[in-house]
Amino acid sequence: MPKTANINVHVEPALKKEAEDVFKELGISETVAVNLFYRQVAFCKGLPFNITISRKTAVETVEKTDRWDGLTGIDHMDDLLKDLDLEKEM
């Protein structure tokens, strides 16, 4: 099948150079690398790698929650529904 679709992306110059060096070491072009990525996305029906929150961010979030930092309490369900703007639906 002829390749007729184009992709135009913006990448930081330093990142582009670093990736190009890896592609060169692997003996593949940027086009081959992008096609491999797209094939893996199609095959996996998602990204072919995990996206995670860093442990530091997760720990900071848990600690902040434990301190109730930025959290509010409610005294009545009506208050919660007002805050969530759901009172009209109930």
Protein backbone atom coordinates (compact mmCIF):
# COMPACT_ATOMS: atom_id res chain seq x y z
CA MET A 1 0.00 0.00 0.00
CA PRO A 2 1.49 3.37 -0.95
CA LYS A 3 2.25 5.74 1.88
CA THR A 4 0.41 8.96 1.14
CA ALA A 5 -0.45 10.41 4.57
CA ASN A 6 1.84 12.98 6.12
CA ILE A 7 2.42 13.83 9.78
CA ASN A 8 3.69 17.19 10.95
CA VAL A 9 4.84 17.32 14.57
CA HIS A 10 6.79 19.77 16.69
CA VAL A 11 9.60 18.31 18.79
CA GLU A 12 12.25 19.92 20.93
CA PRO A 13 15.48 20.06 18.89
CA ALA A 14 17.56 18.29 21.55
CA LEU A 15 15.01 15.47 21.85
CA LYS A 16 14.88 15.11 18.07
CA LYS A 17 18.66 14.83 17.87
CA GLU A 18 18.79 12.28 20.69
CA ALA A 19 16.09 10.15 19.05
CA GLU A 20 17.76 10.42 15.64
CA ASP A 21 21.00 9.15 17.18
CA VAL A 22 19.14 6.11 18.54
CA PHE A 23 17.47 5.49 15.16
CA LYS A 24 20.85 5.72 13.43
CA GLU A 25 22.32 3.21 15.89
CA LEU A 26 19.37 0.90 15.21
CA GLY A 27 19.82 1.36 11.47
CA ILE A 28 16.34 2.78 10.85
CA SER A 29 15.01 6.11 9.59
CA GLU A 30 12.62 8.45 11.36
CA THR A 31 9.91 7.31 8.93
CA VAL A 32 10.43 3.67 9.84
CA ALA A 33 10.41 4.55 13.55
CA VAL A 34 7.13 6.47 13.25
CA ASN A 35 5.56 3.65 11.22
CA LEU A 36 6.67 1.13 13.87
CA PHE A 37 5.10 3.28 16.57
CA TYR A 38 1.81 3.60 14.66
CA ARG A 39 1.71 -0.15 13.97
CA GLN A 40 2.20 -0.87 17.68
CA VAL A 41 -0.56 1.60 18.63
CA ALA A 42 -2.92 -0.10 16.18
CA PHE A 43 -1.90 -3.57 17.36
CA CYS A 44 -2.19 -2.72 21.08
CA LYS A 45 -5.29 -0.56 20.63
CA GLY A 46 -3.51 2.01 22.78
CA LEU A 47 -0.07 3.28 23.56
CA PRO A 48 2.53 0.52 23.44
CA PHE A 49 3.92 1.53 26.83
CA ASN A 50 2.58 2.51 30.24
CA ILE A 51 2.04 6.13 31.17
CA THR A 52 2.41 6.57 34.92
CA ILE A 53 2.55 9.28 37.52
CA SER A 54 5.95 9.55 39.08
CA ARG A 55 6.29 8.05 42.54
CA LYS A 56 7.23 11.47 43.89
CA THR A 57 4.01 13.01 42.55
CA ALA A 58 1.91 10.13 43.92
CA VAL A 59 3.52 10.40 47.38
CA GLU A 60 3.06 14.18 47.45
CA THR A 61 -0.61 13.80 46.48
CA VAL A 62 -1.28 11.22 49.20
CA GLU A 63 0.50 13.33 51.82
CA LYS A 64 -1.45 16.42 50.76
CA THR A 65 -4.71 14.47 50.99
CA ASP A 66 -3.78 13.10 54.42
CA ARG A 67 -3.34 16.70 55.61
CA TRP A 68 -6.68 17.66 54.02
CA ASP A 69 -4.70 20.28 52.11
CA GLY A 70 -6.99 21.74 49.47
CA LEU A 71 -9.92 19.52 50.47
CA THR A 72 -13.26 20.69 51.83
CA GLY A 73 -15.89 18.91 53.86
CA ILE A 74 -19.66 18.98 53.59
CA ASP A 75 -22.32 18.84 56.28
CA HIS A 76 -25.27 17.88 54.11
CA MET A 77 -25.89 16.12 50.79
CA ASP A 78 -27.58 19.25 49.41
CA ASP A 79 -24.29 21.13 49.86
CA LEU A 80 -22.44 18.46 47.89
CA LEU A 81 -25.01 18.57 45.09
CA LYS A 82 -24.73 22.37 44.94
CA ASP A 83 -20.94 22.11 44.76
CA LEU A 84 -21.22 19.55 41.98
CA ASP A 85 -24.02 21.52 40.31
CA LEU A 86 -26.20 18.39 40.35
CA GLU A 87 -29.07 19.64 42.44
CA LYS A 88 -31.19 20.20 39.31
CA GLU A 89 -30.81 16.57 38.26
CA MET A 90 -32.00 15.07 41.57
